[in-house]
Amino acid sequence: MAHYQGELIGEHSSIEGVRRLIGRVAASPSRTVLIYGETGTGKGLVARMLHEQSARARNEFVDVNCAAIPSSLLESELFGHERGAFTGASAKKTGLVEAANRGTIFLDEIREMDLMLQAKLLSLLDTQRFRRVGAVRPIEVDVRFIAATNKILLSEVTAGHFREDLYYRLQVIAINIPPLRERGDDVLILAEHFIRKLNARYDRSITGLSGEVESVFKAYPWPGNVRELENLLERIFILEDDNRVLARHLPDRILRTVRAGTARVLPATEGPARTGHGEEYDFRAATAAFQRELIEKALMHAEGSVAAAAQQLGLSRHALRHQMIKLGLRA
């Protein structure tokens, strides 16, 4: 059965580890947290969970996308400004850091912040004090800073794009969100969740995924991760009328990617089949052959133990037995 904590859904051990870490970090007094994760893995969701499970939950959660605000404006957005501080500053402005006092500020895409502003952020992290642009007196705040990036910041430090001292200041507590392709059957659990959610939103009654789509979803690498999965399913809800998600509903780019990954395990006697649209692989045969190869290797490494093989593959023992029966394999 799927586990639900906020909206961070999944059963894989890696995501269970993230949930446990969120609980421990949220309860700690640490004022800085760094979240790593590919695009679409849920960095904003983890940041909000950290806030909502902390003693700061009754106060503001302020979300700032550093890549979406021009660098010339970001300082004023974060720290505010005094009237007349620069051309166009016709009134005093409270910044987002001040608005987040006793709460949390989430700095997404922190690597996009320029070096000068990084120095001011480092000073703020060390002292919990800052000055509005054009101000003389400092303002003291009590804010938890959560930063996020989809790149390894150490490489940005090496390239001279990110301050080394700020990197080590943020790195005290780091949370790594695993990509969807490394989470086993979680892609199917998430698909079920999104289908329920979309059924309610669009007043539909789609029952789930076909077996063929399940195989595609498990073989596809999901470069856009959870966000890509949700967007794909929403597109299908809008454009298709069937009561299940079928392989013909999937974009060609996904099918081509999976075919390319499974073509090497096609039996030599089958080869590519001709269609009206050019050469295509026999998708069902390729998928079955790929699954069979994976299961046979796992069973060999597990010396025939179905339970151990299931653990290697990220499946439950019941799910593995079901796949073995379907593929005609014996333990």
Protein backbone atom coordinates (compact mmCIF):
# COMPACT_ATOMS: atom_id res chain seq x y z
CA MET A 1 0.00 0.00 0.00
CA ALA A 2 1.27 3.49 -0.89
CA HIS A 3 2.47 5.78 1.87
CA TYR A 4 1.24 9.35 1.99
CA GLN A 5 2.96 12.21 3.77
CA GLY A 6 1.90 15.52 2.29
CA GLU A 7 2.14 14.75 -1.40
CA LEU A 8 5.47 12.89 -1.35
CA ILE A 9 4.15 9.56 -2.54
CA GLY A 10 5.99 6.28 -3.04
CA GLU A 11 7.17 3.04 -1.45
CA HIS A 12 10.76 2.85 -2.68
CA SER A 13 13.37 2.81 0.07
CA SER A 14 15.02 5.96 -1.31
CA ILE A 15 11.85 8.05 -0.99
CA GLU A 16 11.14 6.53 2.44
CA GLY A 17 14.60 7.78 3.43
CA VAL A 18 13.75 11.29 2.20
CA ARG A 19 10.55 11.27 4.26
CA ARG A 20 12.43 10.25 7.40
CA LEU A 21 15.08 12.91 6.80
CA ILE A 22 12.43 15.60 6.33
CA GLY A 23 10.95 14.72 9.72
CA ARG A 24 14.30 14.91 11.48
CA VAL A 25 15.45 18.11 9.79
CA ALA A 26 12.07 19.84 10.25
CA ALA A 27 12.27 19.25 14.00
CA SER A 28 15.86 20.51 14.24
CA PRO A 29 16.84 24.13 14.95
CA SER A 30 19.02 24.29 11.82
CA ARG A 31 18.43 27.49 9.87
CA THR A 32 19.84 26.27 6.53
CA VAL A 33 18.90 23.28 4.37
CA LEU A 34 20.06 22.46 0.83
CA ILE A 35 17.89 20.33 -1.48
CA TYR A 36 19.36 18.59 -4.51
CA GLY A 37 17.18 17.09 -7.22
CA GLU A 38 16.66 16.93 -10.96
CA THR A 39 13.97 19.05 -12.60
CA GLY A 40 10.52 17.80 -11.63
CA THR A 41 11.54 15.64 -8.67
CA GLY A 42 9.65 17.77 -6.14
CA LYS A 43 12.18 20.13 -4.54
CA GLY A 44 9.47 22.73 -3.83
CA LEU A 45 7.27 20.05 -2.30
CA VAL A 46 10.07 18.90 0.04
CA ALA A 47 10.74 22.52 1.04
CA ARG A 48 7.08 23.05 1.92
CA MET A 49 6.98 19.80 3.90
CA LEU A 50 10.03 20.94 5.88
CA HIS A 51 8.17 24.14 6.74
CA GLU A 52 4.83 22.52 7.54
CA GLN A 53 6.37 19.91 9.84
CA SER A 54 8.44 22.47 11.73
CA ALA A 55 7.69 24.82 14.61
CA ARG A 56 7.59 27.61 12.00
CA ALA A 57 4.48 26.21 10.29
CA ARG A 58 2.17 28.94 11.63
CA ASN A 59 4.29 31.63 9.99
CA GLU A 60 5.02 32.48 6.37
CA PHE A 61 6.50 30.17 3.73
CA VAL A 62 7.97 32.43 1.05
CA ASP A 63 8.85 30.86 -2.30
CA VAL A 64 11.48 32.63 -4.47
CA ASN A 65 12.63 31.34 -7.86
CA CYS A 66 16.04 32.96 -8.29
CA ALA A 67 16.07 32.07 -12.01
CA ALA A 68 12.76 33.86 -12.66
CA ILE A 69 13.79 37.27 -11.25
CA PRO A 70 16.38 39.39 -13.13
CA SER A 71 19.60 39.66 -11.10
CA SER A 72 19.28 43.46 -11.11
CA LEU A 73 15.96 43.15 -9.22
CA LEU A 74 16.62 40.15 -6.99
CA GLU A 75 18.42 42.09 -4.24
CA SER A 76 15.50 44.51 -3.87
CA GLU A 77 13.01 41.62 -3.93
CA LEU A 78 14.85 39.79 -1.16
CA PHE A 79 15.93 42.67 1.07
CA GLY A 80 13.50 45.45 0.15
CA HIS A 81 14.51 49.06 -0.34
CA GLU A 82 14.10 52.54 1.10
CA ARG A 83 12.30 55.28 -0.74
CA GLY A 84 14.70 56.99 -3.17
CA ALA A 85 17.29 54.21 -2.93
CA PHE A 86 17.45 54.09 -6.74
CA THR A 87 15.60 55.49 -9.74
CA GLY A 88 12.00 54.37 -9.56
CA ALA A 89 12.03 53.61 -5.83
CA SER A 90 9.14 55.96 -5.07
CA ALA A 91 8.16 54.21 -1.81
CA LYS A 92 9.70 52.00 0.85
CA LYS A 93 9.38 48.29 0.10
CA THR A 94 9.47 45.34 2.51
CA GLY A 95 11.58 42.50 1.13
CA LEU A 96 10.76 38.80 1.04
CA VAL A 97 13.29 37.95 3.76
CA GLU A 98 11.57 40.32 6.17
CA ALA A 99 8.17 38.94 5.12
CA ALA A 100 9.41 35.45 6.06
CA ASN A 101 10.41 36.48 9.61
CA ARG A 102 9.84 33.57 12.06
CA GLY A 103 8.99 31.44 9.04
CA THR A 104 10.78 29.92 6.04
CA ILE A 105 12.12 31.29 2.76
CA PHE A 106 12.72 28.88 -0.12
CA LEU A 107 15.39 29.97 -2.62
CA ASP A 108 14.88 27.76 -5.65
CA GLU A 109 17.62 27.59 -8.31
CA ILE A 110 20.09 29.19 -5.88
CA ARG A 111 22.94 28.73 -8.38
CA GLU A 112 21.39 31.48 -10.54
CA MET A 113 22.11 34.12 -7.86
CA ASP A 114 25.02 36.37 -8.84
CA LEU A 115 28.24 36.38 -6.81
CA MET A 116 27.69 39.82 -5.23
CA LEU A 117 24.28 38.83 -3.91
CA GLN A 118 25.68 35.48 -2.75
CA ALA A 119 28.07 37.43 -0.49
CA LYS A 120 25.16 39.37 1.04
CA LEU A 121 23.20 36.14 1.52
CA LEU A 122 26.17 34.55 3.30
CA SER A 123 26.34 37.51 5.69
CA LEU A 124 22.61 37.19 6.36
CA LEU A 125 22.92 33.45 7.06
CA ASP A 126 25.74 34.10 9.53
CA THR A 127 24.16 37.02 11.39
CA GLN A 128 20.39 36.86 10.65
CA ARG A 129 20.75 40.59 9.94
CA PHE A 130 20.50 42.57 6.70
CA ARG A 131 19.95 46.08 5.38
CA ARG A 132 17.32 47.18 2.93
CA VAL A 133 18.79 48.69 -0.24
CA GLY A 134 19.56 52.31 0.62
CA ALA A 135 19.18 51.80 4.40
CA VAL A 136 21.70 52.49 7.17
CA ARG A 137 20.28 50.48 10.08
CA PRO A 138 20.22 46.67 9.92
CA ILE A 139 17.08 44.60 10.43
CA GLU A 140 17.24 41.43 12.51
CA VAL A 141 15.17 38.39 11.48
CA ASP A 142 14.65 34.76 12.47
CA VAL A 143 14.29 32.84 9.21
CA ARG A 144 15.00 29.30 8.03
CA PHE A 145 16.61 29.33 4.59
CA ILE A 146 15.97 26.39 2.28
CA ALA A 147 17.94 26.49 -0.97
CA ALA A 148 17.49 24.15 -3.92
CA THR A 149 19.38 23.34 -7.09
CA ASN A 150 19.22 20.82 -9.90
CA LYS A 151 23.01 20.86 -10.29
CA ILE A 152 25.79 19.71 -8.01
CA LEU A 153 26.95 22.98 -6.50
CA LEU A 154 30.53 21.83 -5.97
CA SER A 155 31.05 21.80 -9.74
CA GLU A 156 29.65 25.35 -9.85
CA VAL A 157 32.20 26.32 -7.16
CA THR A 158 35.01 24.80 -9.22
CA ALA A 159 33.81 26.73 -12.29
CA GLY A 160 33.79 29.98 -10.30
CA HIS A 161 30.02 30.45 -10.53
CA PHE A 162 29.25 29.89 -6.85
CA ARG A 163 31.01 31.03 -3.68
CA GLU A 164 32.85 28.25 -1.86
CA ASP A 165 32.10 29.71 1.59
CA LEU A 166 28.37 29.92 0.81
CA TYR A 167 28.43 26.36 -0.53
CA TYR A 168 29.83 25.01 2.76
CA ARG A 169 27.40 27.16 4.75
CA LEU A 170 24.42 25.69 2.90
CA GLN A 171 25.80 22.13 2.77
CA VAL A 172 25.49 21.49 6.53
CA ILE A 173 22.22 19.62 5.95
CA ALA A 174 21.56 18.36 2.42
CA ILE A 175 18.59 16.37 1.14
CA ASN A 176 18.94 14.49 -2.14
CA ILE A 177 15.70 13.66 -3.94
CA PRO A 178 16.09 10.56 -6.16
CA PRO A 179 15.03 10.74 -9.81
CA LEU A 180 11.89 8.83 -10.75
CA ARG A 181 13.83 6.35 -12.90
CA GLU A 182 15.61 5.08 -9.75
CA ARG A 183 12.43 4.52 -7.75
CA GLY A 184 11.22 1.19 -9.16
CA ASP A 185 7.44 0.70 -9.07
CA ASP A 186 6.86 4.19 -7.63
CA VAL A 187 6.10 5.38 -11.16
CA LEU A 188 2.99 3.15 -11.13
CA ILE A 189 2.00 4.24 -7.62
CA LEU A 190 2.32 7.89 -8.66
CA ALA A 191 0.36 7.25 -11.86
CA GLU A 192 -2.50 5.76 -9.81
CA HIS A 193 -2.44 8.80 -7.52
CA PHE A 194 -2.54 11.27 -10.41
CA ILE A 195 -5.32 9.33 -12.15
CA ARG A 196 -7.48 9.57 -9.01
CA LYS A 197 -6.71 13.27 -8.74
CA LEU A 198 -7.43 13.93 -12.43
CA ASN A 199 -10.64 11.87 -12.36
CA ALA A 200 -11.95 14.26 -9.70
CA ARG A 201 -10.72 17.36 -11.52
CA TYR A 202 -12.11 16.43 -14.94
CA ASP A 203 -15.13 14.37 -13.78
CA ARG A 204 -13.80 11.26 -15.51
CA SER A 205 -13.66 7.60 -14.52
CA ILE A 206 -10.39 6.34 -16.03
CA THR A 207 -9.64 3.04 -14.30
CA GLY A 208 -5.87 2.93 -14.69
CA LEU A 209 -3.03 1.94 -17.03
CA SER A 210 -3.01 -0.91 -19.52
CA GLY A 211 -0.36 -3.60 -18.94
CA GLU A 212 1.56 -2.32 -21.96
CA VAL A 213 1.63 1.24 -20.58
CA GLU A 214 2.83 -0.06 -17.20
CA SER A 215 5.79 -1.70 -19.00
CA VAL A 216 6.55 1.51 -20.92
CA PHE A 217 6.36 3.65 -17.78
CA LYS A 218 8.81 1.37 -15.96
CA ALA A 219 11.26 1.33 -18.90
CA TYR A 220 11.15 5.06 -19.72
CA PRO A 221 13.87 7.19 -17.99
CA TRP A 222 11.55 10.15 -17.14
CA PRO A 223 13.95 13.09 -17.66
CA GLY A 224 11.22 15.42 -16.36
CA ASN A 225 10.52 13.11 -13.42
CA VAL A 226 7.25 13.35 -11.43
CA ARG A 227 6.22 16.60 -13.11
CA GLU A 228 6.59 15.01 -16.56
CA LEU A 229 4.45 12.04 -15.48
CA GLU A 230 1.67 14.25 -14.11
CA ASN A 231 1.67 16.52 -17.18
CA LEU A 232 1.56 13.51 -19.51
CA LEU A 233 -1.45 12.02 -17.73
CA GLU A 234 -3.28 15.35 -17.70
CA ARG A 235 -2.76 15.67 -21.45
CA ILE A 236 -4.27 12.20 -21.93
CA PHE A 237 -7.27 13.11 -19.75
CA ILE A 238 -7.91 16.17 -21.90
CA LEU A 239 -7.39 14.63 -25.34
CA GLU A 240 -8.47 10.97 -25.07
CA ASP A 241 -11.86 9.35 -24.42
CA ASP A 242 -10.95 5.78 -23.43
CA ASN A 243 -11.56 4.53 -19.89
CA ARG A 244 -7.94 3.34 -19.56
CA VAL A 245 -4.56 4.83 -20.46
CA LEU A 246 -3.41 2.94 -23.57
CA ALA A 247 -0.06 2.78 -25.38
CA ARG A 248 -1.51 4.65 -28.39
CA HIS A 249 -2.14 7.64 -26.12
CA LEU A 250 1.58 8.04 -25.41
CA PRO A 251 3.73 10.52 -27.36
CA ASP A 252 6.02 9.04 -30.00
CA ARG A 253 9.09 10.41 -28.22
CA ILE A 254 8.38 8.18 -25.20
CA LEU A 255 7.75 5.08 -27.33
CA ARG A 256 10.88 5.75 -29.41
CA THR A 257 13.00 6.12 -26.27
CA VAL A 258 11.73 2.84 -24.82
CA ARG A 259 12.11 1.03 -28.14
CA ALA A 260 15.70 2.23 -28.42
CA GLY A 261 16.39 0.89 -24.93
CA THR A 262 14.79 -2.50 -25.56
CA ALA A 263 15.80 -3.13 -29.20
CA ARG A 264 19.04 -4.86 -28.18
CA VAL A 265 17.11 -7.70 -26.51
CA LEU A 266 14.87 -8.50 -29.48
CA PRO A 267 15.28 -12.12 -30.66
CA ALA A 268 17.34 -12.15 -33.85
CA THR A 269 14.58 -13.95 -35.79
CA GLU A 270 12.06 -11.18 -35.13
CA GLY A 271 13.93 -8.03 -36.11
CA PRO A 272 12.10 -4.85 -37.07
CA ALA A 273 8.59 -5.12 -38.44
CA ARG A 274 7.44 -3.01 -41.39
CA THR A 275 4.50 -0.67 -40.91
CA GLY A 276 2.93 2.07 -42.95
CA HIS A 277 5.07 4.58 -41.06
CA GLY A 278 8.47 2.95 -41.73
CA GLU A 279 10.45 0.47 -39.65
CA GLU A 280 9.25 -0.19 -36.11
CA TYR A 281 10.26 -2.79 -33.57
CA ASP A 282 7.70 -5.26 -32.26
CA PHE A 283 7.09 -3.30 -29.08
CA ARG A 284 5.36 -6.00 -27.04
CA ALA A 285 7.98 -8.62 -27.91
CA ALA A 286 10.82 -6.22 -27.11
CA THR A 287 9.33 -5.21 -23.77
CA ALA A 288 8.70 -8.83 -22.76
CA ALA A 289 12.23 -9.84 -23.79
CA PHE A 290 13.71 -6.97 -21.80
CA GLN A 291 11.68 -7.87 -18.70
CA ARG A 292 12.59 -11.54 -19.04
CA GLU A 293 16.30 -10.72 -19.27
CA LEU A 294 16.18 -8.50 -16.18
CA ILE A 295 14.30 -11.07 -14.11
CA GLU A 296 16.55 -13.95 -15.18
CA LYS A 297 19.67 -11.95 -14.24
CA ALA A 298 18.19 -11.00 -10.87
CA LEU A 299 17.26 -14.63 -10.13
CA MET A 300 20.74 -15.77 -11.11
CA HIS A 301 22.40 -13.23 -8.77
CA ALA A 302 19.92 -14.18 -6.03
CA GLU A 303 20.68 -17.91 -6.54
CA GLY A 304 17.04 -18.59 -7.34
CA SER A 305 15.52 -16.73 -4.37
CA VAL A 306 12.40 -14.90 -5.56
CA ALA A 307 12.36 -12.69 -2.43
CA ALA A 308 15.98 -11.59 -2.94
CA ALA A 309 15.47 -11.07 -6.68
CA ALA A 310 12.37 -8.97 -6.00
CA GLN A 311 14.37 -6.78 -3.63
CA GLN A 312 17.06 -6.26 -6.29
CA LEU A 313 14.42 -5.24 -8.84
CA GLY A 314 12.53 -2.94 -6.48
CA LEU A 315 9.39 -5.11 -6.66
CA SER A 316 7.29 -6.88 -4.09
CA ARG A 317 7.59 -10.67 -4.09
CA HIS A 318 3.96 -10.92 -5.24
CA ALA A 319 4.56 -8.52 -8.14
CA LEU A 320 7.65 -10.46 -9.27
CA ARG A 321 5.82 -13.80 -9.15
CA HIS A 322 3.01 -12.26 -11.21
CA GLN A 323 5.53 -11.08 -13.84
CA MET A 324 7.25 -14.47 -13.90
CA ILE A 325 3.96 -16.29 -14.51
CA LYS A 326 3.09 -13.84 -17.29
CA LEU A 327 6.48 -14.36 -18.94
CA GLY A 328 6.50 -18.14 -18.46
CA LEU A 329 9.45 -18.15 -16.05
CA ARG A 330 10.02 -20.53 -13.16
CA ALA A 331 11.94 -19.90 -9.95
